[in-house]
Amino acid sequence: MKILIITAHPSSCGKTHAIAASYRKNAERKGHEVEILDLYKTEYQLPFYSFENLRETPPHPNVAPLQEKIKAADELVFIHPIWWGMMPAIFKNFLDHVMASRFAFKYDEHGHSHGLLTGKSARIFLTSGAPRPLAYFAYELPVSPLKFIWNTFILRTCGLKVRSFMILTGCNANGFKEEYLQAFLKKVEHVK
């Protein structure tokens, strides 16, 4: 199986990178082929999305290679911190450019979307500085806005099967210990 991990955190010491490395290690141990695409370091940097430019010019030249990576993958793993209740702007920009209409989904004559990435699965791993009780209500309940956006508006719209959605909370809180991260990484290694 080919797995593409897409991550975004400006610090190489960020917990998102630890999660990506842990998931990769476990997947490779199972014989899977894994690539990590760090949106802050990739040679496929994308300018911020401009709708006017989209209408007037062809897509940015870096879009096609990124879409090829997604086409080749059986599983997509998205890992990012939660900033201001949402993903970092660089991650949203990636989705705007790459997971575009006519590649990841299409609209029918009634305006309903249909996923074009069917047969692929997706996993979401997020980090949050919010303390556990607040993060639980804000991000982990089935009706939480961020979970709903990821599951419904992004993944299911594109036809991806959601396999897991996990959040490491309290990352910036006083008293956050390395053992919390290690316990989360063990959960990441054992997701099914």
N, C-alpha and C. Protein backbone atom coordinates (compact mmCIF):
# COMPACT_ATOMS: atom_id res chain seq x y z
N MET A 1 0.85 -1.18 0.00
CA MET A 1 0.00 0.00 0.00
C MET A 1 0.89 1.24 0.00
N LYS A 2 0.49 2.26 -0.75
CA LYS A 2 1.20 3.54 -0.78
C LYS A 2 0.48 4.53 0.13
N ILE A 3 1.24 5.16 1.01
CA ILE A 3 0.69 6.11 1.97
C ILE A 3 1.37 7.45 1.77
N LEU A 4 0.57 8.51 1.65
CA LEU A 4 1.08 9.87 1.56
C LEU A 4 0.67 10.61 2.83
N ILE A 5 1.67 11.04 3.59
CA ILE A 5 1.43 11.81 4.80
C ILE A 5 1.65 13.28 4.46
N ILE A 6 0.64 14.10 4.71
CA ILE A 6 0.72 15.53 4.44
C ILE A 6 0.67 16.25 5.77
N THR A 7 1.74 16.99 6.07
CA THR A 7 1.83 17.63 7.37
C THR A 7 2.24 19.09 7.22
N ALA A 8 1.92 19.86 8.22
CA ALA A 8 2.26 21.29 8.20
C ALA A 8 2.51 21.79 9.61
N HIS A 9 3.73 22.10 9.90
CA HIS A 9 4.10 22.80 11.13
C HIS A 9 5.43 23.48 10.87
N PRO A 10 5.54 24.77 11.16
CA PRO A 10 6.77 25.49 10.83
C PRO A 10 7.99 25.08 11.65
N SER A 11 7.78 24.42 12.76
CA SER A 11 8.91 23.97 13.58
C SER A 11 9.21 22.51 13.31
N SER A 12 10.47 22.20 13.05
CA SER A 12 10.83 20.79 12.84
C SER A 12 10.70 20.00 14.13
N CYS A 13 10.58 20.70 15.25
CA CYS A 13 10.41 20.03 16.55
C CYS A 13 8.94 19.89 16.93
N GLY A 14 8.04 20.35 16.06
CA GLY A 14 6.61 20.28 16.36
C GLY A 14 6.13 18.85 16.54
N LYS A 15 5.10 18.70 17.33
CA LYS A 15 4.55 17.37 17.62
C LYS A 15 3.93 16.75 16.37
N THR A 16 3.51 17.56 15.42
CA THR A 16 2.96 17.00 14.18
C THR A 16 4.01 16.17 13.45
N HIS A 17 5.27 16.62 13.50
CA HIS A 17 6.33 15.87 12.83
C HIS A 17 6.63 14.56 13.57
N ALA A 18 6.51 14.58 14.89
CA ALA A 18 6.70 13.35 15.67
C ALA A 18 5.60 12.35 15.33
N ILE A 19 4.38 12.83 15.16
CA ILE A 19 3.27 11.95 14.79
C ILE A 19 3.50 11.36 13.40
N ALA A 20 3.92 12.21 12.47
CA ALA A 20 4.19 11.74 11.09
C ALA A 20 5.28 10.69 11.09
N ALA A 21 6.36 10.92 11.83
CA ALA A 21 7.47 9.96 11.88
C ALA A 21 7.03 8.65 12.50
N SER A 22 6.22 8.72 13.55
CA SER A 22 5.73 7.51 14.20
C SER A 22 4.82 6.71 13.27
N TYR A 23 3.91 7.39 12.59
CA TYR A 23 3.00 6.70 11.67
C TYR A 23 3.80 6.07 10.53
N ARG A 24 4.77 6.81 10.02
CA ARG A 24 5.61 6.30 8.93
C ARG A 24 6.37 5.04 9.36
N LYS A 25 7.00 5.11 10.52
CA LYS A 25 7.79 3.98 11.03
C LYS A 25 6.93 2.72 11.15
N ASN A 26 5.75 2.88 11.72
CA ASN A 26 4.87 1.73 11.89
C ASN A 26 4.39 1.19 10.54
N ALA A 27 4.04 2.08 9.62
CA ALA A 27 3.55 1.65 8.31
C ALA A 27 4.66 0.96 7.51
N GLU A 28 5.87 1.49 7.57
CA GLU A 28 6.98 0.85 6.86
C GLU A 28 7.32 -0.50 7.47
N ARG A 29 7.17 -0.62 8.77
CA ARG A 29 7.39 -1.90 9.44
C ARG A 29 6.40 -2.96 8.92
N LYS A 30 5.22 -2.50 8.52
CA LYS A 30 4.20 -3.41 7.96
C LYS A 30 4.38 -3.63 6.46
N GLY A 31 5.42 -3.02 5.88
CA GLY A 31 5.71 -3.23 4.46
C GLY A 31 5.10 -2.21 3.52
N HIS A 32 4.54 -1.15 4.05
CA HIS A 32 3.93 -0.13 3.19
C HIS A 32 4.98 0.87 2.72
N GLU A 33 4.73 1.48 1.58
CA GLU A 33 5.57 2.53 1.04
C GLU A 33 5.00 3.87 1.52
N VAL A 34 5.84 4.69 2.16
CA VAL A 34 5.36 5.92 2.79
C VAL A 34 6.18 7.12 2.34
N GLU A 35 5.49 8.21 2.03
CA GLU A 35 6.14 9.48 1.74
C GLU A 35 5.54 10.54 2.63
N ILE A 36 6.40 11.38 3.21
CA ILE A 36 5.93 12.51 4.01
C ILE A 36 6.10 13.78 3.18
N LEU A 37 5.02 14.51 3.04
CA LEU A 37 5.03 15.79 2.33
C LEU A 37 4.84 16.89 3.37
N ASP A 38 5.92 17.56 3.73
CA ASP A 38 5.89 18.66 4.69
C ASP A 38 5.63 19.94 3.91
N LEU A 39 4.48 20.54 4.09
CA LEU A 39 4.09 21.70 3.29
C LEU A 39 4.99 22.91 3.52
N TYR A 40 5.73 22.93 4.63
CA TYR A 40 6.66 24.03 4.86
C TYR A 40 8.00 23.80 4.19
N LYS A 41 8.29 22.56 3.79
CA LYS A 41 9.60 22.26 3.23
C LYS A 41 9.58 21.73 1.81
N THR A 42 8.45 21.44 1.29
CA THR A 42 8.39 20.82 -0.01
C THR A 42 8.90 21.73 -1.12
N GLU A 43 9.46 21.12 -2.13
CA GLU A 43 9.88 21.89 -3.30
C GLU A 43 8.67 22.30 -4.13
N TYR A 44 7.51 21.81 -3.75
CA TYR A 44 6.27 22.12 -4.46
C TYR A 44 5.49 23.24 -3.78
N GLN A 45 6.17 24.26 -3.31
CA GLN A 45 5.49 25.38 -2.65
C GLN A 45 4.44 25.99 -3.57
N LEU A 46 3.36 26.43 -2.98
CA LEU A 46 2.26 27.03 -3.74
C LEU A 46 2.02 28.46 -3.26
N PRO A 47 1.83 29.39 -4.19
CA PRO A 47 1.47 30.75 -3.76
C PRO A 47 0.06 30.72 -3.18
N PHE A 48 -0.29 31.74 -2.43
CA PHE A 48 -1.64 31.73 -1.91
C PHE A 48 -2.64 31.83 -3.05
N TYR A 49 -3.67 31.08 -2.90
CA TYR A 49 -4.71 30.90 -3.89
C TYR A 49 -5.36 32.22 -4.26
N SER A 50 -5.54 32.44 -5.54
CA SER A 50 -6.22 33.63 -6.02
C SER A 50 -7.28 33.18 -7.02
N PHE A 51 -8.52 33.40 -6.70
CA PHE A 51 -9.61 32.95 -7.55
C PHE A 51 -9.55 33.61 -8.92
N GLU A 52 -9.20 34.90 -8.96
CA GLU A 52 -9.10 35.58 -10.24
C GLU A 52 -8.04 34.95 -11.13
N ASN A 53 -6.90 34.60 -10.54
CA ASN A 53 -5.84 33.95 -11.32
C ASN A 53 -6.30 32.58 -11.81
N LEU A 54 -7.08 31.88 -11.02
CA LEU A 54 -7.57 30.57 -11.42
C LEU A 54 -8.40 30.67 -12.70
N ARG A 55 -9.20 31.69 -12.80
CA ARG A 55 -10.05 31.87 -13.97
C ARG A 55 -9.26 32.30 -15.21
N GLU A 56 -8.13 32.99 -14.99
CA GLU A 56 -7.39 33.56 -16.11
C GLU A 56 -6.21 32.73 -16.57
N THR A 57 -5.65 31.91 -15.71
CA THR A 57 -4.43 31.17 -16.04
C THR A 57 -4.60 29.69 -15.70
N PRO A 58 -3.73 28.86 -16.25
CA PRO A 58 -3.78 27.44 -15.84
C PRO A 58 -3.32 27.30 -14.39
N PRO A 59 -3.58 26.15 -13.78
CA PRO A 59 -3.14 25.95 -12.39
C PRO A 59 -1.63 26.12 -12.25
N HIS A 60 -1.20 26.47 -11.05
CA HIS A 60 0.23 26.61 -10.76
C HIS A 60 0.94 25.32 -11.15
N PRO A 61 2.16 25.39 -11.70
CA PRO A 61 2.84 24.18 -12.16
C PRO A 61 3.11 23.14 -11.07
N ASN A 62 3.08 23.54 -9.81
CA ASN A 62 3.31 22.57 -8.73
C ASN A 62 2.07 21.76 -8.38
N VAL A 63 0.91 22.16 -8.88
CA VAL A 63 -0.33 21.45 -8.55
C VAL A 63 -0.33 20.05 -9.15
N ALA A 64 0.04 19.91 -10.41
CA ALA A 64 -0.02 18.59 -11.07
C ALA A 64 0.85 17.55 -10.37
N PRO A 65 2.11 17.84 -9.99
CA PRO A 65 2.90 16.82 -9.29
C PRO A 65 2.29 16.42 -7.94
N LEU A 66 1.69 17.38 -7.25
CA LEU A 66 1.04 17.07 -5.97
C LEU A 66 -0.20 16.21 -6.18
N GLN A 67 -0.95 16.49 -7.22
CA GLN A 67 -2.12 15.67 -7.53
C GLN A 67 -1.70 14.26 -7.94
N GLU A 68 -0.57 14.14 -8.62
CA GLU A 68 -0.06 12.81 -8.98
C GLU A 68 0.29 12.00 -7.74
N LYS A 69 0.86 12.65 -6.74
CA LYS A 69 1.19 11.96 -5.48
C LYS A 69 -0.09 11.45 -4.82
N ILE A 70 -1.13 12.26 -4.86
CA ILE A 70 -2.42 11.85 -4.26
C ILE A 70 -3.03 10.71 -5.06
N LYS A 71 -2.99 10.80 -6.39
CA LYS A 71 -3.52 9.72 -7.23
C LYS A 71 -2.81 8.40 -6.94
N ALA A 72 -1.50 8.45 -6.74
CA ALA A 72 -0.72 7.23 -6.54
C ALA A 72 -0.93 6.62 -5.15
N ALA A 73 -1.40 7.41 -4.20
CA ALA A 73 -1.56 6.94 -2.82
C ALA A 73 -2.84 6.15 -2.63
N ASP A 74 -2.75 5.13 -1.79
CA ASP A 74 -3.93 4.39 -1.37
C ASP A 74 -4.54 5.01 -0.12
N GLU A 75 -3.67 5.63 0.69
CA GLU A 75 -4.11 6.24 1.94
C GLU A 75 -3.46 7.62 2.06
N LEU A 76 -4.28 8.59 2.47
CA LEU A 76 -3.79 9.93 2.75
C LEU A 76 -3.88 10.16 4.25
N VAL A 77 -2.80 10.68 4.82
CA VAL A 77 -2.76 10.96 6.25
C VAL A 77 -2.51 12.46 6.39
N PHE A 78 -3.43 13.16 7.02
CA PHE A 78 -3.33 14.60 7.20
C PHE A 78 -2.98 14.89 8.65
N ILE A 79 -1.90 15.64 8.87
CA ILE A 79 -1.46 15.95 10.23
C ILE A 79 -1.16 17.45 10.31
N HIS A 80 -1.82 18.12 11.24
CA HIS A 80 -1.55 19.55 11.41
C HIS A 80 -1.96 20.02 12.80
N PRO A 81 -1.39 21.16 13.24
CA PRO A 81 -1.85 21.76 14.48
C PRO A 81 -3.16 22.49 14.26
N ILE A 82 -3.88 22.72 15.33
CA ILE A 82 -5.09 23.52 15.27
C ILE A 82 -4.71 24.93 15.74
N TRP A 83 -4.87 25.87 14.84
CA TRP A 83 -4.60 27.28 15.15
C TRP A 83 -5.88 28.07 14.93
N TRP A 84 -6.30 28.83 15.92
CA TRP A 84 -7.53 29.61 15.83
C TRP A 84 -8.72 28.73 15.44
N GLY A 85 -8.72 27.52 15.94
CA GLY A 85 -9.83 26.60 15.71
C GLY A 85 -9.82 25.92 14.36
N MET A 86 -8.76 26.07 13.58
CA MET A 86 -8.73 25.55 12.22
C MET A 86 -7.30 25.14 11.86
N MET A 87 -7.15 24.65 10.67
CA MET A 87 -5.84 24.27 10.16
C MET A 87 -5.02 25.51 9.82
N PRO A 88 -3.67 25.38 9.78
CA PRO A 88 -2.83 26.51 9.37
C PRO A 88 -3.17 26.93 7.93
N ALA A 89 -2.95 28.19 7.63
CA ALA A 89 -3.27 28.74 6.31
C ALA A 89 -2.57 27.98 5.19
N ILE A 90 -1.33 27.55 5.41
CA ILE A 90 -0.60 26.83 4.37
C ILE A 90 -1.29 25.50 4.03
N PHE A 91 -1.92 24.89 5.02
CA PHE A 91 -2.64 23.63 4.80
C PHE A 91 -3.92 23.90 4.01
N LYS A 92 -4.65 24.93 4.40
CA LYS A 92 -5.88 25.29 3.69
C LYS A 92 -5.55 25.66 2.25
N ASN A 93 -4.45 26.38 2.04
CA ASN A 93 -4.03 26.77 0.70
C ASN A 93 -3.73 25.53 -0.15
N PHE A 94 -3.10 24.53 0.47
CA PHE A 94 -2.84 23.27 -0.23
C PHE A 94 -4.16 22.64 -0.68
N LEU A 95 -5.14 22.58 0.22
CA LEU A 95 -6.44 22.00 -0.13
C LEU A 95 -7.11 22.79 -1.25
N ASP A 96 -7.05 24.12 -1.17
CA ASP A 96 -7.68 24.96 -2.19
C ASP A 96 -7.09 24.69 -3.57
N HIS A 97 -5.77 24.60 -3.65
CA HIS A 97 -5.09 24.37 -4.93
C HIS A 97 -5.22 22.93 -5.42
N VAL A 98 -4.92 21.98 -4.55
CA VAL A 98 -4.70 20.60 -4.96
C VAL A 98 -5.97 19.76 -4.94
N MET A 99 -6.77 19.87 -3.93
CA MET A 99 -8.00 19.07 -3.82
C MET A 99 -9.14 19.79 -4.53
N ALA A 100 -8.89 20.18 -5.74
CA ALA A 100 -9.76 21.06 -6.50
C ALA A 100 -10.87 20.29 -7.21
N SER A 101 -11.88 21.06 -7.60
CA SER A 101 -12.97 20.53 -8.43
C SER A 101 -12.37 19.98 -9.72
N ARG A 102 -12.93 18.89 -10.18
CA ARG A 102 -12.51 18.15 -11.37
C ARG A 102 -11.27 17.29 -11.12
N PHE A 103 -10.67 17.40 -9.94
CA PHE A 103 -9.62 16.45 -9.55
C PHE A 103 -10.11 15.59 -8.39
N ALA A 104 -10.50 16.22 -7.29
CA ALA A 104 -10.91 15.49 -6.10
C ALA A 104 -12.43 15.26 -6.03
N PHE A 105 -13.18 16.09 -6.73
CA PHE A 105 -14.64 15.97 -6.76
C PHE A 105 -15.15 16.68 -8.00
N LYS A 106 -16.41 16.44 -8.31
CA LYS A 106 -17.05 17.16 -9.42
C LYS A 106 -18.48 17.46 -9.01
N TYR A 107 -19.05 18.46 -9.67
CA TYR A 107 -20.44 18.81 -9.44
C TYR A 107 -21.29 18.24 -10.58
N ASP A 108 -22.46 17.73 -10.21
CA ASP A 108 -23.38 17.28 -11.25
C ASP A 108 -24.27 18.44 -11.68
N GLU A 109 -25.20 18.17 -12.57
CA GLU A 109 -26.06 19.24 -13.11
C GLU A 109 -26.98 19.86 -12.07
N HIS A 110 -27.12 19.20 -10.90
CA HIS A 110 -27.96 19.73 -9.83
C HIS A 110 -27.14 20.44 -8.76
N GLY A 111 -25.82 20.52 -8.97
CA GLY A 111 -24.96 21.20 -8.00
C GLY A 111 -24.50 20.32 -6.85
N HIS A 112 -24.78 19.03 -6.90
CA HIS A 112 -24.33 18.10 -5.86
C HIS A 112 -22.91 17.64 -6.18
N SER A 113 -22.09 17.53 -5.15
CA SER A 113 -20.71 17.09 -5.38
C SER A 113 -20.61 15.57 -5.33
N HIS A 114 -19.68 15.05 -6.11
CA HIS A 114 -19.40 13.61 -6.15
C HIS A 114 -17.89 13.42 -6.07
N GLY A 115 -17.45 12.62 -5.10
CA GLY A 115 -16.03 12.40 -4.89
C GLY A 115 -15.38 11.64 -6.02
N LEU A 116 -14.18 12.05 -6.37
CA LEU A 116 -13.42 11.40 -7.43
C LEU A 116 -12.22 10.62 -6.89
N LEU A 117 -12.03 10.63 -5.57
CA LEU A 117 -10.91 9.91 -4.97
C LEU A 117 -11.39 8.65 -4.24
N THR A 118 -12.45 8.05 -4.75
CA THR A 118 -13.00 6.85 -4.12
C THR A 118 -11.98 5.72 -4.18
N GLY A 119 -12.09 4.83 -3.22
CA GLY A 119 -11.15 3.71 -3.14
C GLY A 119 -9.94 4.04 -2.29
N LYS A 120 -9.82 5.28 -1.87
CA LYS A 120 -8.71 5.70 -1.00
C LYS A 120 -9.25 5.95 0.41
N SER A 121 -8.38 5.78 1.38
CA SER A 121 -8.77 6.06 2.75
C SER A 121 -8.00 7.27 3.27
N ALA A 122 -8.48 7.83 4.38
CA ALA A 122 -7.83 9.00 4.98
C ALA A 122 -7.82 8.87 6.49
N ARG A 123 -6.78 9.43 7.06
CA ARG A 123 -6.64 9.52 8.51
C ARG A 123 -6.29 10.96 8.86
N ILE A 124 -6.80 11.41 10.00
CA ILE A 124 -6.54 12.77 10.46
C ILE A 124 -5.93 12.68 11.86
N PHE A 125 -4.80 13.36 12.03
CA PHE A 125 -4.17 13.49 13.35
C PHE A 125 -3.91 14.98 13.57
N LEU A 126 -4.46 15.52 14.65
CA LEU A 126 -4.32 16.94 14.93
C LEU A 126 -3.68 17.17 16.28
N THR A 127 -3.07 18.33 16.45
CA THR A 127 -2.53 18.72 17.75
C THR A 127 -3.19 20.04 18.15
N SER A 128 -3.39 20.19 19.44
CA SER A 128 -4.04 21.39 19.96
C SER A 128 -3.38 21.82 21.25
N GLY A 129 -3.22 23.13 21.41
CA GLY A 129 -2.70 23.67 22.65
C GLY A 129 -3.76 23.79 23.72
N ALA A 130 -5.01 23.61 23.33
CA ALA A 130 -6.10 23.75 24.29
C ALA A 130 -6.04 22.62 25.33
N PRO A 131 -6.39 22.93 26.57
CA PRO A 131 -6.42 21.88 27.59
C PRO A 131 -7.50 20.85 27.25
N ARG A 132 -7.33 19.66 27.75
CA ARG A 132 -8.17 18.51 27.42
C ARG A 132 -9.68 18.77 27.50
N PRO A 133 -10.22 19.29 28.60
CA PRO A 133 -11.69 19.45 28.65
C PRO A 133 -12.21 20.38 27.55
N LEU A 134 -11.53 21.50 27.34
CA LEU A 134 -11.96 22.44 26.31
C LEU A 134 -11.81 21.81 24.93
N ALA A 135 -10.69 21.17 24.68
CA ALA A 135 -10.44 20.55 23.37
C ALA A 135 -11.47 19.45 23.08
N TYR A 136 -11.86 18.71 24.10
CA TYR A 136 -12.85 17.65 23.89
C TYR A 136 -14.13 18.23 23.32
N PHE A 137 -14.66 19.28 23.95
CA PHE A 137 -15.91 19.87 23.48
C PHE A 137 -15.73 20.60 22.16
N ALA A 138 -14.59 21.22 21.97
CA ALA A 138 -14.38 22.02 20.76
C ALA A 138 -14.05 21.16 19.53
N TYR A 139 -13.31 20.06 19.73
CA TYR A 139 -12.77 19.35 18.57
C TYR A 139 -13.10 17.86 18.46
N GLU A 140 -13.46 17.22 19.55
CA GLU A 140 -13.58 15.77 19.49
C GLU A 140 -15.01 15.22 19.47
N LEU A 141 -15.97 15.98 19.93
CA LEU A 141 -17.35 15.50 19.87
C LEU A 141 -17.76 15.33 18.41
N PRO A 142 -18.63 14.37 18.11
CA PRO A 142 -19.05 14.15 16.72
C PRO A 142 -19.62 15.41 16.06
N VAL A 143 -20.19 16.31 16.85
CA VAL A 143 -20.77 17.52 16.28
C VAL A 143 -19.80 18.71 16.29
N SER A 144 -18.54 18.48 16.64
CA SER A 144 -17.60 19.60 16.67
C SER A 144 -17.40 20.13 15.26
N PRO A 145 -17.32 21.46 15.11
CA PRO A 145 -17.19 22.04 13.77
C PRO A 145 -15.98 21.56 12.99
N LEU A 146 -14.82 21.46 13.63
CA LEU A 146 -13.62 21.06 12.90
C LEU A 146 -13.73 19.61 12.42
N LYS A 147 -14.23 18.74 13.27
CA LYS A 147 -14.41 17.35 12.87
C LYS A 147 -15.43 17.24 11.74
N PHE A 148 -16.49 18.01 11.84
CA PHE A 148 -17.51 18.02 10.80
C PHE A 148 -16.95 18.52 9.47
N ILE A 149 -16.16 19.58 9.53
CA ILE A 149 -15.54 20.13 8.31
C ILE A 149 -14.63 19.09 7.67
N TRP A 150 -13.74 18.48 8.47
CA TRP A 150 -12.83 17.48 7.91
C TRP A 150 -13.61 16.30 7.33
N ASN A 151 -14.48 15.71 8.14
CA ASN A 151 -15.17 14.49 7.72
C ASN A 151 -16.14 14.72 6.58
N THR A 152 -16.92 15.77 6.66
CA THR A 152 -18.00 15.97 5.69
C THR A 152 -17.57 16.81 4.51
N PHE A 153 -17.08 18.01 4.78
CA PHE A 153 -16.80 18.93 3.68
C PHE A 153 -15.52 18.60 2.92
N ILE A 154 -14.56 18.01 3.56
CA ILE A 154 -13.30 17.75 2.86
C ILE A 154 -13.22 16.29 2.41
N LEU A 155 -13.18 15.37 3.33
CA LEU A 155 -12.89 13.98 2.99
C LEU A 155 -14.03 13.30 2.24
N ARG A 156 -15.23 13.36 2.78
CA ARG A 156 -16.34 12.67 2.10
C ARG A 156 -16.70 13.34 0.79
N THR A 157 -16.55 14.65 0.70
CA THR A 157 -16.79 15.34 -0.58
C THR A 157 -15.87 14.79 -1.66
N CYS A 158 -14.66 14.45 -1.26
CA CYS A 158 -13.66 13.93 -2.21
C CYS A 158 -13.78 12.42 -2.42
N GLY A 159 -14.67 11.77 -1.69
CA GLY A 159 -14.86 10.33 -1.84
C GLY A 159 -13.92 9.49 -1.00
N LEU A 160 -13.22 10.11 -0.06
CA LEU A 160 -12.28 9.39 0.79
C LEU A 160 -13.00 8.75 1.98
N LYS A 161 -12.59 7.55 2.32
CA LYS A 161 -13.16 6.86 3.48
C LYS A 161 -12.36 7.26 4.71
N VAL A 162 -13.03 7.82 5.71
CA VAL A 162 -12.36 8.27 6.93
C VAL A 162 -12.09 7.05 7.81
N ARG A 163 -10.82 6.81 8.10
CA ARG A 163 -10.43 5.65 8.91
C ARG A 163 -10.18 6.02 10.37
N SER A 164 -9.67 7.22 10.63
CA SER A 164 -9.45 7.65 12.02
C SER A 164 -9.36 9.16 12.10
N PHE A 165 -9.69 9.67 13.28
CA PHE A 165 -9.63 11.11 13.57
C PHE A 165 -9.19 11.22 15.02
N MET A 166 -7.95 11.66 15.25
CA MET A 166 -7.41 11.72 16.61
C MET A 166 -6.76 13.07 16.86
N ILE A 167 -6.89 13.55 18.11
CA ILE A 167 -6.33 14.85 18.49
C ILE A 167 -5.49 14.70 19.76
N LEU A 168 -4.25 15.20 19.68
CA LEU A 168 -3.39 15.32 20.86
C LEU A 168 -3.64 16.69 21.45
N THR A 169 -4.16 16.75 22.65
CA THR A 169 -4.55 18.03 23.26
C THR A 169 -3.56 18.47 24.33
N GLY A 170 -3.69 19.73 24.72
CA GLY A 170 -2.89 20.29 25.80
C GLY A 170 -1.42 20.48 25.46
N CYS A 171 -1.09 20.53 24.17
CA CYS A 171 0.32 20.59 23.75
C CYS A 171 1.06 21.81 24.28
N ASN A 172 0.38 22.92 24.46
CA ASN A 172 1.03 24.13 24.94
C ASN A 172 0.70 24.44 26.39
N ALA A 173 -0.05 23.59 27.03
CA ALA A 173 -0.47 23.83 28.41
C ALA A 173 0.69 23.58 29.37
N ASN A 174 0.70 24.35 30.45
CA ASN A 174 1.69 24.07 31.49
C ASN A 174 1.45 22.67 32.01
N GLY A 175 2.51 21.94 32.22
CA GLY A 175 2.38 20.59 32.72
C GLY A 175 2.29 19.53 31.64
N PHE A 176 2.33 19.93 30.35
CA PHE A 176 2.33 18.91 29.29
C PHE A 176 3.65 18.16 29.38
N LYS A 177 3.56 16.85 29.44
CA LYS A 177 4.75 16.03 29.64
C LYS A 177 5.02 15.19 28.41
N GLU A 178 6.27 14.86 28.22
CA GLU A 178 6.68 14.01 27.10
C GLU A 178 5.91 12.69 27.11
N GLU A 179 5.56 12.21 28.29
CA GLU A 179 4.83 10.94 28.38
C GLU A 179 3.46 11.03 27.72
N TYR A 180 2.84 12.23 27.69
CA TYR A 180 1.56 12.39 26.99
C TYR A 180 1.75 12.17 25.49
N LEU A 181 2.82 12.77 24.97
CA LEU A 181 3.11 12.60 23.55
C LEU A 181 3.39 11.13 23.25
N GLN A 182 4.19 10.48 24.08
CA GLN A 182 4.54 9.07 23.84
C GLN A 182 3.29 8.18 23.90
N ALA A 183 2.38 8.46 24.80
CA ALA A 183 1.14 7.68 24.88
C ALA A 183 0.30 7.88 23.62
N PHE A 184 0.26 9.11 23.12
CA PHE A 184 -0.48 9.39 21.89
C PHE A 184 0.17 8.68 20.71
N LEU A 185 1.50 8.71 20.64
CA LEU A 185 2.21 8.04 19.54
C LEU A 185 1.94 6.54 19.55
N LYS A 186 1.80 5.96 20.72
CA LYS A 186 1.46 4.53 20.79
C LYS A 186 0.07 4.28 20.22
N LYS A 187 -0.87 5.19 20.49
CA LYS A 187 -2.21 5.07 19.90
C LYS A 187 -2.14 5.20 18.39
N VAL A 188 -1.30 6.12 17.90
CA VAL A 188 -1.14 6.32 16.47
C VAL A 188 -0.61 5.04 15.83
N GLU A 189 0.34 4.41 16.47
CA GLU A 189 0.93 3.16 15.93
C GLU A 189 -0.08 2.03 15.85
N HIS A 190 -1.10 2.07 16.68
CA HIS A 190 -2.05 0.95 16.74
C HIS A 190 -3.40 1.25 16.11
N VAL A 191 -3.51 2.35 15.36
CA VAL A 191 -4.79 2.61 14.71
C VAL A 191 -5.06 1.56 13.67
N LYS A 192 -6.31 1.22 13.48
CA LYS A 192 -6.68 0.19 12.50
C LYS A 192 -7.45 0.79 11.37
